[in-house]
PDB file of N, CA and C in Angstrom:
ATOM      1  N   MET A   1     -31.024  91.275 111.300  1.00  0.00           N
ATOM      2  CA  MET A   1     -29.814  90.522 111.118  1.00  0.00           C
ATOM      3  C   MET A   1     -28.600  91.414 111.327  1.00  0.00           C
ATOM      4  N   LEU A   2     -28.675  92.618 110.795  1.00  0.00           N
ATOM      5  CA  LEU A   2     -27.578  93.553 110.938  1.00  0.00           C
ATOM      6  C   LEU A   2     -27.369  93.920 112.405  1.00  0.00           C
ATOM      7  N   THR A   3     -28.402  94.007 113.143  1.00  0.00           N
ATOM      8  CA  THR A   3     -28.289  94.347 114.558  1.00  0.00           C
ATOM      9  C   THR A   3     -27.623  93.238 115.345  1.00  0.00           C
ATOM     10  N   LEU A   4     -27.837  92.011 114.924  1.00  0.00           N
ATOM     11  CA  LEU A   4     -27.198  90.885 115.602  1.00  0.00           C
ATOM     12  C   LEU A   4     -25.681  90.939 115.392  1.00  0.00           C
ATOM     13  N   VAL A   5     -25.251  91.305 114.192  1.00  0.00           N
ATOM     14  CA  VAL A   5     -23.830  91.434 113.886  1.00  0.00           C
ATOM     15  C   VAL A   5     -23.247  92.608 114.665  1.00  0.00           C
ATOM     16  N   GLU A   6     -24.005  93.699 114.736  1.00  0.00           N
ATOM     17  CA  GLU A   6     -23.524  94.861 115.482  1.00  0.00           C
ATOM     18  C   GLU A   6     -23.364  94.516 116.951  1.00  0.00           C
ATOM     19  N   LEU A   7     -24.301  93.786 117.516  1.00  0.00           N
ATOM     20  CA  LEU A   7     -24.210  93.395 118.916  1.00  0.00           C
ATOM     21  C   LEU A   7     -23.027  92.454 119.137  1.00  0.00           C
ATOM     22  N   ALA A   8     -22.802  91.535 118.199  1.00  0.00           N
ATOM     23  CA  ALA A   8     -21.700  90.596 118.332  1.00  0.00           C
ATOM     24  C   ALA A   8     -20.366  91.316 118.266  1.00  0.00           C
ATOM     25  N   LEU A   9     -20.236  92.313 117.411  1.00  0.00           N
ATOM     26  CA  LEU A   9     -18.988  93.046 117.283  1.00  0.00           C
ATOM     27  C   LEU A   9     -18.732  93.959 118.484  1.00  0.00           C
ATOM     28  N   LYS A  10     -19.756  94.334 119.231  1.00  0.00           N
ATOM     29  CA  LYS A  10     -19.582  95.169 120.411  1.00  0.00           C
ATOM     30  C   LYS A  10     -19.088  94.354 121.602  1.00  0.00           C
ATOM     31  N   SER A  11     -19.304  93.061 121.577  1.00  0.00           N
ATOM     32  CA  SER A  11     -18.873  92.209 122.677  1.00  0.00           C
ATOM     33  C   SER A  11     -17.400  91.857 122.493  1.00  0.00           C
ATOM     34  N   ARG A  12     -16.604  92.060 123.526  1.00  0.00           N
ATOM     35  CA  ARG A  12     -15.166  91.769 123.457  1.00  0.00           C
ATOM     36  C   ARG A  12     -14.904  90.273 123.269  1.00  0.00           C
ATOM     37  N   THR A  13     -15.707  89.465 123.864  1.00  0.00           N
ATOM     38  CA  THR A  13     -15.512  88.026 123.782  1.00  0.00           C
ATOM     39  C   THR A  13     -15.711  87.528 122.360  1.00  0.00           C
ATOM     40  N   VAL A  14     -16.760  88.010 121.711  1.00  0.00           N
ATOM     41  CA  VAL A  14     -17.039  87.586 120.343  1.00  0.00           C
ATOM     42  C   VAL A  14     -15.946  88.078 119.416  1.00  0.00           C
ATOM     43  N   VAL A  15     -15.497  89.315 119.605  1.00  0.00           N
ATOM     44  CA  VAL A  15     -14.426  89.854 118.772  1.00  0.00           C
ATOM     45  C   VAL A  15     -13.146  89.053 118.987  1.00  0.00           C
ATOM     46  N   ALA A  16     -12.867  88.683 120.237  1.00  0.00           N
ATOM     47  CA  ALA A  16     -11.671  87.895 120.534  1.00  0.00           C
ATOM     48  C   ALA A  16     -11.750  86.519 119.883  1.00  0.00           C
ATOM     49  N   VAL A  17     -12.937  85.894 119.957  1.00  0.00           N
ATOM     50  CA  VAL A  17     -13.114  84.574 119.348  1.00  0.00           C
ATOM     51  C   VAL A  17     -12.963  84.663 117.838  1.00  0.00           C
ATOM     52  N   ILE A  18     -13.565  85.699 117.232  1.00  0.00           N
ATOM     53  CA  ILE A  18     -13.441  85.868 115.771  1.00  0.00           C
ATOM     54  C   ILE A  18     -11.983  86.130 115.396  1.00  0.00           C
ATOM     55  N   SER A  19     -11.279  86.935 116.194  1.00  0.00           N
ATOM     56  CA  SER A  19      -9.866  87.231 115.916  1.00  0.00           C
ATOM     57  C   SER A  19      -9.018  85.973 116.007  1.00  0.00           C
ATOM     58  N   VAL A  20      -9.245  85.184 117.056  1.00  0.00           N
ATOM     59  CA  VAL A  20      -8.493  83.939 117.221  1.00  0.00           C
ATOM     60  C   VAL A  20      -8.804  82.987 116.071  1.00  0.00           C
ATOM     61  N   ALA A  21     -10.072  82.902 115.677  1.00  0.00           N
ATOM     62  CA  ALA A  21     -10.456  82.029 114.568  1.00  0.00           C
ATOM     63  C   ALA A  21      -9.799  82.493 113.268  1.00  0.00           C
ATOM     64  N   ALA A  22      -9.742  83.804 113.056  1.00  0.00           N
ATOM     65  CA  ALA A  22      -9.111  84.330 111.845  1.00  0.00           C
ATOM     66  C   ALA A  22      -7.620  84.030 111.835  1.00  0.00           C
ATOM     67  N   VAL A  23      -6.972  84.211 112.982  1.00  0.00           N
ATOM     68  CA  VAL A  23      -5.532  83.917 113.067  1.00  0.00           C
ATOM     69  C   VAL A  23      -5.281  82.430 112.835  1.00  0.00           C
ATOM     70  N   LEU A  24      -6.071  81.577 113.477  1.00  0.00           N
ATOM     71  CA  LEU A  24      -5.897  80.127 113.293  1.00  0.00           C
ATOM     72  C   LEU A  24      -6.178  79.717 111.846  1.00  0.00           C
ATOM     73  N   GLY A  25      -7.186  80.330 111.238  1.00  0.00           N
ATOM     74  CA  GLY A  25      -7.464  80.039 109.829  1.00  0.00           C
ATOM     75  C   GLY A  25      -6.312  80.457 108.938  1.00  0.00           C
ATOM     76  N   GLY A  26      -5.736  81.628 109.221  1.00  0.00           N
ATOM     77  CA  GLY A  26      -4.561  82.078 108.452  1.00  0.00           C
ATOM     78  C   GLY A  26      -3.383  81.151 108.631  1.00  0.00           C
ATOM     79  N   LEU A  27      -3.158  80.702 109.858  1.00  0.00           N
ATOM     80  CA  LEU A  27      -2.065  79.754 110.118  1.00  0.00           C
ATOM     81  C   LEU A  27      -2.293  78.426 109.393  1.00  0.00           C
ATOM     82  N   LEU A  28      -3.554  77.980 109.349  1.00  0.00           N
ATOM     83  CA  LEU A  28      -3.858  76.731 108.650  1.00  0.00           C
ATOM     84  C   LEU A  28      -3.576  76.861 107.157  1.00  0.00           C
ATOM     85  N   VAL A  29      -3.980  77.970 106.580  1.00  0.00           N
ATOM     86  CA  VAL A  29      -3.714  78.203 105.156  1.00  0.00           C
ATOM     87  C   VAL A  29      -2.206  78.294 104.916  1.00  0.00           C
ATOM     88  N   TRP A  30      -1.491  79.025 105.768  1.00  0.00           N
ATOM     89  CA  TRP A  30      -0.037  79.162 105.621  1.00  0.00           C
ATOM     90  C   TRP A  30       0.645  77.797 105.751  1.00  0.00           C
ATOM     91  N   HIS A  31       0.125  76.973 106.704  1.00  0.00           N
ATOM     92  CA  HIS A  31       0.688  75.637 106.895  1.00  0.00           C
ATOM     93  C   HIS A  31       0.523  74.781 105.645  1.00  0.00           C
ATOM     94  N   LYS A  32      -0.631  74.813 105.033  1.00  0.00           N
ATOM     95  CA  LYS A  32      -0.874  74.031 103.815  1.00  0.00           C
ATOM     96  C   LYS A  32       0.032  74.499 102.680  1.00  0.00           C
ATOM     97  N   VAL A  33       0.144  75.799 102.491  1.00  0.00           N
ATOM     98  CA  VAL A  33       0.984  76.353 101.428  1.00  0.00           C
ATOM     99  C   VAL A  33       2.446  76.045 101.707  1.00  0.00           C
ATOM    100  N   ASP A  34       2.852  76.217 102.958  1.00  0.00           N
ATOM    101  CA  ASP A  34       4.250  75.991 103.314  1.00  0.00           C
ATOM    102  C   ASP A  34       4.603  74.509 103.211  1.00  0.00           C
ATOM    103  N   LYS A  35       3.650  73.619 103.521  1.00  0.00           N
ATOM    104  CA  LYS A  35       3.929  72.188 103.431  1.00  0.00           C
ATOM    105  C   LYS A  35       4.231  71.789 101.988  1.00  0.00           C
ATOM    106  N   SER A  36       3.477  72.294 101.052  1.00  0.00           N
ATOM    107  CA  SER A  36       3.723  71.943  99.655  1.00  0.00           C
ATOM    108  C   SER A  36       5.056  72.526  99.176  1.00  0.00           C
ATOM    109  N   SER A  37       5.391  73.731  99.638  1.00  0.00           N
ATOM    110  CA  SER A  37       6.692  74.298  99.237  1.00  0.00           C
ATOM    111  C   SER A  37       7.837  73.544  99.911  1.00  0.00           C
ATOM    112  N   ALA A  38       7.604  73.072 101.135  1.00  0.00           N
ATOM    113  CA  ALA A  38       8.640  72.274 101.812  1.00  0.00           C
ATOM    114  C   ALA A  38       8.861  70.956 101.084  1.00  0.00           C
ATOM    115  N   VAL A  39       7.791  70.364 100.597  1.00  0.00           N
ATOM    116  CA  VAL A  39       7.914  69.114  99.839  1.00  0.00           C
ATOM    117  C   VAL A  39       8.677  69.372  98.546  1.00  0.00           C
ATOM    118  N   ARG A  40       8.339  70.465  97.860  1.00  0.00           N
ATOM    119  CA  ARG A  40       9.064  70.811  96.627  1.00  0.00           C
ATOM    120  C   ARG A  40      10.548  71.028  96.907  1.00  0.00           C
ATOM    121  N   ARG A  41      10.835  71.744  97.985  1.00  0.00           N
ATOM    122  CA  ARG A  41      12.221  72.019  98.352  1.00  0.00           C
ATOM    123  C   ARG A  41      12.960  70.720  98.672  1.00  0.00           C
ATOM    124  N   ALA A  42      12.306  69.812  99.400  1.00  0.00           N
ATOM    125  CA  ALA A  42      12.929  68.531  99.734  1.00  0.00           C
ATOM    126  C   ALA A  42      13.195  67.706  98.485  1.00  0.00           C
ATOM    127  N   VAL A  43      12.271  67.716  97.552  1.00  0.00           N
ATOM    128  CA  VAL A  43      12.461  66.973  96.297  1.00  0.00           C
ATOM    129  C   VAL A  43      13.633  67.554  95.524  1.00  0.00           C
ATOM    130  N   VAL A  44      13.727  68.875  95.455  1.00  0.00           N
ATOM    131  CA  VAL A  44      14.832  69.510  94.738  1.00  0.00           C
ATOM    132  C   VAL A  44      16.166  69.154  95.393  1.00  0.00           C
ATOM    133  N   GLU A  45      16.217  69.191  96.727  1.00  0.00           N
ATOM    134  CA  GLU A  45      17.452  68.835  97.433  1.00  0.00           C
ATOM    135  C   GLU A  45      17.817  67.367  97.207  1.00  0.00           C
ATOM    136  N   TYR A  46      16.812  66.494  97.232  1.00  0.00           N
ATOM    137  CA  TYR A  46      17.059  65.076  97.007  1.00  0.00           C
ATOM    138  C   TYR A  46      17.596  64.828  95.601  1.00  0.00           C
ATOM    139  N   VAL A  47      16.984  65.475  94.625  1.00  0.00           N
ATOM    140  CA  VAL A  47      17.433  65.316  93.237  1.00  0.00           C
ATOM    141  C   VAL A  47      18.860  65.844  93.082  1.00  0.00           C
ATOM    142  N   ALA A  48      19.158  66.976  93.704  1.00  0.00           N
ATOM    143  CA  ALA A  48      20.507  67.532  93.620  1.00  0.00           C
ATOM    144  C   ALA A  48      21.516  66.582  94.252  1.00  0.00           C
ATOM    145  N   LYS A  49      21.155  65.977  95.377  1.00  0.00           N
ATOM    146  CA  LYS A  49      22.054  65.032  96.036  1.00  0.00           C
ATOM    147  C   LYS A  49      22.309  63.810  95.155  1.00  0.00           C
ATOM    148  N   VAL A  50      21.244  63.292  94.548  1.00  0.00           N
ATOM    149  CA  VAL A  50      21.392  62.121  93.672  1.00  0.00           C
ATOM    150  C   VAL A  50      22.242  62.463  92.456  1.00  0.00           C
ATOM    151  N   GLU A  51      22.026  63.638  91.870  1.00  0.00           N
ATOM    152  CA  GLU A  51      22.818  64.050  90.706  1.00  0.00           C
ATOM    153  C   GLU A  51      24.280  64.215  91.084  1.00  0.00           C
ATOM    154  N   LEU A  52      24.550  64.771  92.263  1.00  0.00           N
ATOM    155  CA  LEU A  52      25.933  64.935  92.715  1.00  0.00           C
ATOM    156  C   LEU A  52      26.596  63.582  92.931  1.00  0.00           C
ATOM    157  N   THR A  53      25.877  62.657  93.547  1.00  0.00           N
ATOM    158  CA  THR A  53      26.409  61.307  93.747  1.00  0.00           C
ATOM    159  C   THR A  53      26.683  60.637  92.407  1.00  0.00           C
ATOM    160  N   SER A  54      25.773  60.798  91.482  1.00  0.00           N
ATOM    161  CA  SER A  54      25.950  60.219  90.148  1.00  0.00           C
ATOM    162  C   SER A  54      27.172  60.810  89.453  1.00  0.00           C
ATOM    163  N   ALA A  55      27.342  62.116  89.553  1.00  0.00           N
ATOM    164  CA  ALA A  55      28.500  62.766  88.923  1.00  0.00           C
ATOM    165  C   ALA A  55      29.798  62.279  89.556  1.00  0.00           C
ATOM    166  N   ARG A  56      29.805  62.083  90.871  1.00  0.00           N
ATOM    167  CA  ARG A  56      31.016  61.579  91.540  1.00  0.00           C
ATOM    168  C   ARG A  56      31.346  60.166  91.071  1.00  0.00           C
ATOM    169  N   VAL A  57      30.327  59.325  90.969  1.00  0.00           N
ATOM    170  CA  VAL A  57      30.548  57.948  90.515  1.00  0.00           C
ATOM    171  C   VAL A  57      31.072  57.940  89.082  1.00  0.00           C
ATOM    172  N   GLN A  58      30.501  58.788  88.230  1.00  0.00           N
ATOM    173  CA  GLN A  58      30.968  58.872  86.840  1.00  0.00           C
ATOM    174  C   GLN A  58      32.423  59.345  86.795  1.00  0.00           C
ATOM    175  N   MET A  59      32.767  60.307  87.642  1.00  0.00           N
ATOM    176  CA  MET A  59      34.136  60.820  87.671  1.00  0.00           C
ATOM    177  C   MET A  59      35.115  59.727  88.107  1.00  0.00           C
ATOM    178  N   GLU A  60      34.735  58.963  89.134  1.00  0.00           N
ATOM    179  CA  GLU A  60      35.591  57.864  89.579  1.00  0.00           C
ATOM    180  C   GLU A  60      35.761  56.822  88.479  1.00  0.00           C
ATOM    181  N   GLU A  61      34.687  56.521  87.761  1.00  0.00           N
ATOM    182  CA  GLU A  61      34.765  55.547  86.668  1.00  0.00           C
ATOM    183  C   GLU A  61      35.662  56.061  85.548  1.00  0.00           C
ATOM    184  N   LEU A  62      35.571  57.335  85.236  1.00  0.00           N
ATOM    185  CA  LEU A  62      36.434  57.907  84.198  1.00  0.00           C
ATOM    186  C   LEU A  62      37.901  57.862  84.625  1.00  0.00           C
ATOM    187  N   LYS A  63      38.176  58.125  85.894  1.00  0.00           N
ATOM    188  CA  LYS A  63      39.558  58.039  86.389  1.00  0.00           C
ATOM    189  C   LYS A  63      40.070  56.610  86.286  1.00  0.00           C
ATOM    190  N   ARG A  64      39.216  55.644  86.655  1.00  0.00           N
ATOM    191  CA  ARG A  64      39.625  54.237  86.571  1.00  0.00           C
ATOM    192  C   ARG A  64      39.911  53.840  85.127  1.00  0.00           C
ATOM    193  N   ARG A  65      39.036  54.263  84.218  1.00  0.00           N
ATOM    194  CA  ARG A  65      39.245  53.943  82.800  1.00  0.00           C
ATOM    195  C   ARG A  65      40.515  54.593  82.266  1.00  0.00           C
ATOM    196  N   LYS A  66      40.817  55.796  82.726  1.00  0.00           N
ATOM    197  CA  LYS A  66      42.031  56.481  82.288  1.00  0.00           C
ATOM    198  C   LYS A  66      43.260  55.697  82.727  1.00  0.00           C
ATOM    199  N   LEU A  67      43.251  55.229  83.975  1.00  0.00           N
ATOM    200  CA  LEU A  67      44.390  54.437  84.460  1.00  0.00           C
ATOM    201  C   LEU A  67      44.544  53.148  83.660  1.00  0.00           C
ATOM    202  N   VAL A  68      43.435  52.486  83.383  1.00  0.00           N
ATOM    203  CA  VAL A  68      43.492  51.248  82.601  1.00  0.00           C
ATOM    204  C   VAL A  68      44.026  51.531  81.205  1.00  0.00           C
ATOM    205  N   ALA A  69      43.560  52.612  80.600  1.00  0.00           N
ATOM    206  CA  ALA A  69      44.023  52.963  79.248  1.00  0.00           C
ATOM    207  C   ALA A  69      45.514  53.285  79.248  1.00  0.00           C
ATOM    208  N   GLU A  70      45.995  53.967  80.281  1.00  0.00           N
ATOM    209  CA  GLU A  70      47.422  54.276  80.356  1.00  0.00           C
ATOM    210  C   GLU A  70      48.251  53.010  80.498  1.00  0.00           C
ATOM    211  N   ARG A  71      47.785  52.072  81.343  1.00  0.00           N
ATOM    212  CA  ARG A  71      48.516  50.806  81.500  1.00  0.00           C
ATOM    213  C   ARG A  71      48.559  50.027  80.191  1.00  0.00           C
ATOM    214  N   VAL A  72      47.423  49.946  79.531  1.00  0.00           N
ATOM    215  CA  VAL A  72      47.359  49.211  78.258  1.00  0.00           C
ATOM    216  C   VAL A  72      48.236  49.891  77.220  1.00  0.00           C
ATOM    217  N   SER A  73      48.255  51.202  77.206  1.00  0.00           N
ATOM    218  CA  SER A  73      49.083  51.938  76.258  1.00  0.00           C
ATOM    219  C   SER A  73      50.564  51.634  76.490  1.00  0.00           C
ATOM    220  N   ARG A  74      50.971  51.622  77.769  1.00  0.00           N
ATOM    221  CA  ARG A  74      52.371  51.291  78.077  1.00  0.00           C
ATOM    222  C   ARG A  74      52.712  49.878  77.619  1.00  0.00           C
ATOM    223  N   GLN A  75      51.819  48.919  77.893  1.00  0.00           N
ATOM    224  CA  GLN A  75      52.057  47.538  77.472  1.00  0.00           C
ATOM    225  C   GLN A  75      52.119  47.441  75.945  1.00  0.00           C
ATOM    226  N   PHE A  76      51.229  48.162  75.277  1.00  0.00           N
ATOM    227  CA  PHE A  76      51.204  48.145  73.818  1.00  0.00           C
ATOM    228  C   PHE A  76      52.502  48.721  73.248  1.00  0.00           C
ATOM    229  N   ARG A  77      52.964  49.841  73.835  1.00  0.00           N
ATOM    230  CA  ARG A  77      54.239  50.416  73.366  1.00  0.00           C
ATOM    231  C   ARG A  77      55.399  49.446  73.583  1.00  0.00           C
ATOM    232  N   THR A  78      55.390  48.738  74.708  1.00  0.00           N
ATOM    233  CA  THR A  78      56.439  47.755  74.970  1.00  0.00           C
ATOM    234  C   THR A  78      56.401  46.638  73.935  1.00  0.00           C
ATOM    235  N   LEU A  79      55.188  46.168  73.621  1.00  0.00           N
ATOM    236  CA  LEU A  79      55.056  45.113  72.606  1.00  0.00           C
ATOM    237  C   LEU A  79      55.506  45.604  71.232  1.00  0.00           C
ATOM    238  N   ILE A  80      55.202  46.855  70.897  1.00  0.00           N
ATOM    239  CA  ILE A  80      55.631  47.416  69.609  1.00  0.00           C
ATOM    240  C   ILE A  80      57.146  47.497  69.560  1.00  0.00           C
ATOM    241  N   GLU A  81      57.754  47.971  70.655  1.00  0.00           N
ATOM    242  CA  GLU A  81      59.221  48.049  70.689  1.00  0.00           C
ATOM    243  C   GLU A  81      59.846  46.662  70.556  1.00  0.00           C
ATOM    244  N   GLN A  82      59.245  45.666  71.224  1.00  0.00           N
ATOM    245  CA  GLN A  82      59.757  44.298  71.129  1.00  0.00           C
ATOM    246  C   GLN A  82      59.609  43.766  69.702  1.00  0.00           C
ATOM    247  N   ALA A  83      58.474  44.031  69.065  1.00  0.00           N
ATOM    248  CA  ALA A  83      58.265  43.574  67.683  1.00  0.00           C
ATOM    249  C   ALA A  83      59.250  44.254  66.740  1.00  0.00           C
ATOM    250  N   ASN A  84      59.498  45.538  66.940  1.00  0.00           N
ATOM    251  CA  ASN A  84      60.483  46.239  66.101  1.00  0.00           C
ATOM    252  C   ASN A  84      61.874  45.670  66.302  1.00  0.00           C
ATOM    253  N   ALA A  85      62.224  45.352  67.544  1.00  0.00           N
ATOM    254  CA  ALA A  85      63.534  44.764  67.813  1.00  0.00           C
ATOM    255  C   ALA A  85      63.641  43.388  67.165  1.00  0.00           C
ATOM    256  N   ASP A  86      62.571  42.590  67.241  1.00  0.00           N
ATOM    257  CA  ASP A  86      62.572  41.265  66.606  1.00  0.00           C
ATOM    258  C   ASP A  86      62.696  41.389  65.082  1.00  0.00           C
ATOM    259  N   ALA A  87      61.986  42.355  64.516  1.00  0.00           N
ATOM    260  CA  ALA A  87      62.059  42.560  63.063  1.00  0.00           C
ATOM    261  C   ALA A  87      63.463  42.988  62.650  1.00  0.00           C
ATOM    262  N   GLU A  88      64.067  43.855  63.443  1.00  0.00           N
ATOM    263  CA  GLU A  88      65.438  44.297  63.127  1.00  0.00           C
ATOM    264  C   GLU A  88      66.415  43.135  63.240  1.00  0.00           C
ATOM    265  N   ALA A  89      66.226  42.279  64.262  1.00  0.00           N
ATOM    266  CA  ALA A  89      67.105  41.111  64.414  1.00  0.00           C
ATOM    267  C   ALA A  89      66.926  40.154  63.243  1.00  0.00           C
ATOM    268  N   ALA A  90      65.670  39.965  62.798  1.00  0.00           N
ATOM    269  CA  ALA A  90      65.418  39.082  61.658  1.00  0.00           C
ATOM    270  C   ALA A  90      66.042  39.664  60.395  1.00  0.00           C
ATOM    271  N   THR A  91      65.970  40.977  60.221  1.00  0.00           N
ATOM    272  CA  THR A  91      66.572  41.618  59.051  1.00  0.00           C
ATOM    273  C   THR A  91      68.085  41.439  59.069  1.00  0.00           C
ATOM    274  N   LYS A  92      68.702  41.612  60.234  1.00  0.00           N
ATOM    275  CA  LYS A  92      70.159  41.435  60.340  1.00  0.00           C
ATOM    276  C   LYS A  92      70.550  39.988  60.061  1.00  0.00           C
ATOM    277  N   GLU A  93      69.732  39.038  60.574  1.00  0.00           N
ATOM    278  CA  GLU A  93      70.029  37.626  60.318  1.00  0.00           C
ATOM    279  C   GLU A  93      69.905  37.304  58.835  1.00  0.00           C
ATOM    280  N   LEU A  94      68.882  37.865  58.186  1.00  0.00           N
ATOM    281  CA  LEU A  94      68.713  37.653  56.750  1.00  0.00           C
ATOM    282  C   LEU A  94      69.881  38.249  55.977  1.00  0.00           C
ATOM    283  N   GLU A  95      70.324  39.437  56.400  1.00  0.00           N
ATOM    284  CA  GLU A  95      71.478  40.060  55.735  1.00  0.00           C
ATOM    285  C   GLU A  95      72.732  39.208  55.932  1.00  0.00           C
ATOM    286  N   LYS A  96      72.843  38.601  57.123  1.00  0.00           N
ATOM    287  CA  LYS A  96      74.004  37.737  57.398  1.00  0.00           C
ATOM    288  C   LYS A  96      73.991  36.534  56.462  1.00  0.00           C
ATOM    289  N   TYR A  97      72.808  35.902  56.315  1.00  0.00           N
ATOM    290  CA  TYR A  97      72.718  34.759  55.411  1.00  0.00           C
ATOM    291  C   TYR A  97      72.959  35.176  53.956  1.00  0.00           C
ATOM    292  N   ALA A  98      72.431  36.308  53.580  1.00  0.00           N
ATOM    293  CA  ALA A  98      72.594  36.783  52.212  1.00  0.00           C
ATOM    294  C   ALA A  98      74.049  37.135  51.927  1.00  0.00           C
ATOM    295  N   SER A  99      74.751  37.606  52.944  1.00  0.00           N
ATOM    296  CA  SER A  99      76.150  37.986  52.713  1.00  0.00           C
ATOM    297  C   SER A  99      77.060  36.762  52.588  1.00  0.00           C
ATOM    298  N   THR A 100      76.630  35.621  53.118  1.00  0.00           N
ATOM    299  CA  THR A 100      77.463  34.419  53.014  1.00  0.00           C
ATOM    300  C   THR A 100      77.358  33.758  51.647  1.00  0.00           C
ATOM    301  N   VAL A 101      76.287  34.070  50.904  1.00  0.00           N
ATOM    302  CA  VAL A 101      76.103  33.491  49.578  1.00  0.00           C
ATOM    303  C   VAL A 101      76.815  34.391  48.569  1.00  0.00           C
ATOM    304  N   GLY A 102      77.591  33.815  47.722  1.00  0.00           N
ATOM    305  CA  GLY A 102      78.324  34.587  46.729  1.00  0.00           C
ATOM    306  C   GLY A 102      77.401  35.083  45.619  1.00  0.00           C
ATOM    307  N   ALA A 103      77.875  36.060  44.881  1.00  0.00           N
ATOM    308  CA  ALA A 103      77.095  36.629  43.790  1.00  0.00           C
ATOM    309  C   ALA A 103      76.978  35.643  42.624  1.00  0.00           C
ATOM    310  N   ASP A 104      77.916  34.713  42.511  1.00  0.00           N
ATOM    311  CA  ASP A 104      77.883  33.765  41.402  1.00  0.00           C
ATOM    312  C   ASP A 104      77.210  32.452  41.794  1.00  0.00           C
ATOM    313  N   CYS A 105      76.453  32.477  42.848  1.00  0.00           N
ATOM    314  CA  CYS A 105      75.770  31.272  43.338  1.00  0.00           C
ATOM    315  C   CYS A 105      74.684  30.875  42.344  1.00  0.00           C
ATOM    316  N   VAL A 106      74.751  29.615  41.911  1.00  0.00           N
ATOM    317  CA  VAL A 106      73.795  29.111  40.934  1.00  0.00           C
ATOM    318  C   VAL A 106      73.223  27.805  41.477  1.00  0.00           C
ATOM    319  N   VAL A 107      71.927  27.630  41.329  1.00  0.00           N
ATOM    320  CA  VAL A 107      71.275  26.412  41.770  1.00  0.00           C
ATOM    321  C   VAL A 107      71.328  25.407  40.620  1.00  0.00           C
ATOM    322  N   GLN A 108      71.744  24.190  40.939  1.00  0.00           N
ATOM    323  CA  GLN A 108      71.822  23.159  39.913  1.00  0.00           C
ATOM    324  C   GLN A 108      70.420  22.634  39.601  1.00  0.00           C
ATOM    325  N   PRO A 109      70.158  22.241  38.357  1.00  0.00           N
ATOM    326  CA  PRO A 109      68.824  21.819  37.943  1.00  0.00           C
ATOM    327  C   PRO A 109      68.296  20.615  38.721  1.00  0.00           C
ATOM    328  N   ASP A 110      69.133  19.690  39.114  1.00  0.00           N
ATOM    329  CA  ASP A 110      68.624  18.517  39.830  1.00  0.00           C
ATOM    330  C   ASP A 110      68.120  18.896  41.231  1.00  0.00           C
ATOM    331  N   LEU A 111      68.670  19.935  41.856  1.00  0.00           N
ATOM    332  CA  LEU A 111      68.186  20.403  43.156  1.00  0.00           C
ATOM    333  C   LEU A 111      66.785  21.000  43.012  1.00  0.00           C
ATOM    334  N   ILE A 112      66.559  21.739  41.953  1.00  0.00           N
ATOM    335  CA  ILE A 112      65.232  22.321  41.724  1.00  0.00           C
ATOM    336  C   ILE A 112      64.215  21.211  41.532  1.00  0.00           C
ATOM    337  N   GLU A 113      64.550  20.177  40.801  1.00  0.00           N
ATOM    338  CA  GLU A 113      63.632  19.062  40.572  1.00  0.00           C
ATOM    339  C   GLU A 113      63.343  18.316  41.878  1.00  0.00           C
ATOM    340  N   ARG A 114      64.333  18.128  42.706  1.00  0.00           N
ATOM    341  CA  ARG A 114      64.114  17.447  43.979  1.00  0.00           C
ATOM    342  C   ARG A 114      63.191  18.253  44.899  1.00  0.00           C
ATOM    343  N   LEU A 115      63.344  19.571  44.887  1.00  0.00           N
ATOM    344  CA  LEU A 115      62.499  20.425  45.712  1.00  0.00           C
ATOM    345  C   LEU A 115      61.041  20.439  45.199  1.00  0.00           C
ATOM    346  N   ARG A 116      60.866  20.364  43.891  1.00  0.00           N
ATOM    347  CA  ARG A 116      59.518  20.355  43.328  1.00  0.00           C
ATOM    348  C   ARG A 116      58.805  19.052  43.658  1.00  0.00           C
ATOM    349  N   ASN A 117      59.525  17.956  43.675  1.00  0.00           N
ATOM    350  CA  ASN A 117      58.924  16.647  43.911  1.00  0.00           C
ATOM    351  C   ASN A 117      58.564  16.390  45.378  1.00  0.00           C
ATOM    352  N   ARG A 118      58.976  17.198  46.216  1.00  0.00           N
ATOM    353  CA  ARG A 118      58.667  17.013  47.640  1.00  0.00           C
ATOM    354  C   ARG A 118      57.261  17.176  47.877  1.00  0.00           C
TER     355      ARG A 118
END
């Protein structure tokens, strides 16, 4: 058996065929290993792209919400200013009515009875 291997290794053709087979086998193994790493790399790139898209969408939504909040805040401040102005006008009107009534103003008893009977 050993002599058969020795004879095969002495022949250039057999050595060339074995060398080509070894190279092709190495390439096949490298291809299988590289294919799985290429798939992993593609998955990582895809996930990164999706995460980036998601972050951009979230950022746009936050900007939109900020604008809406600013508009609502401005409207709310305007309503508060209007309510304060209305309250001040009502206070001035009440003071005007109170100033027209004298300090010695007395309600007659028959007026109180008429108001109670209503």
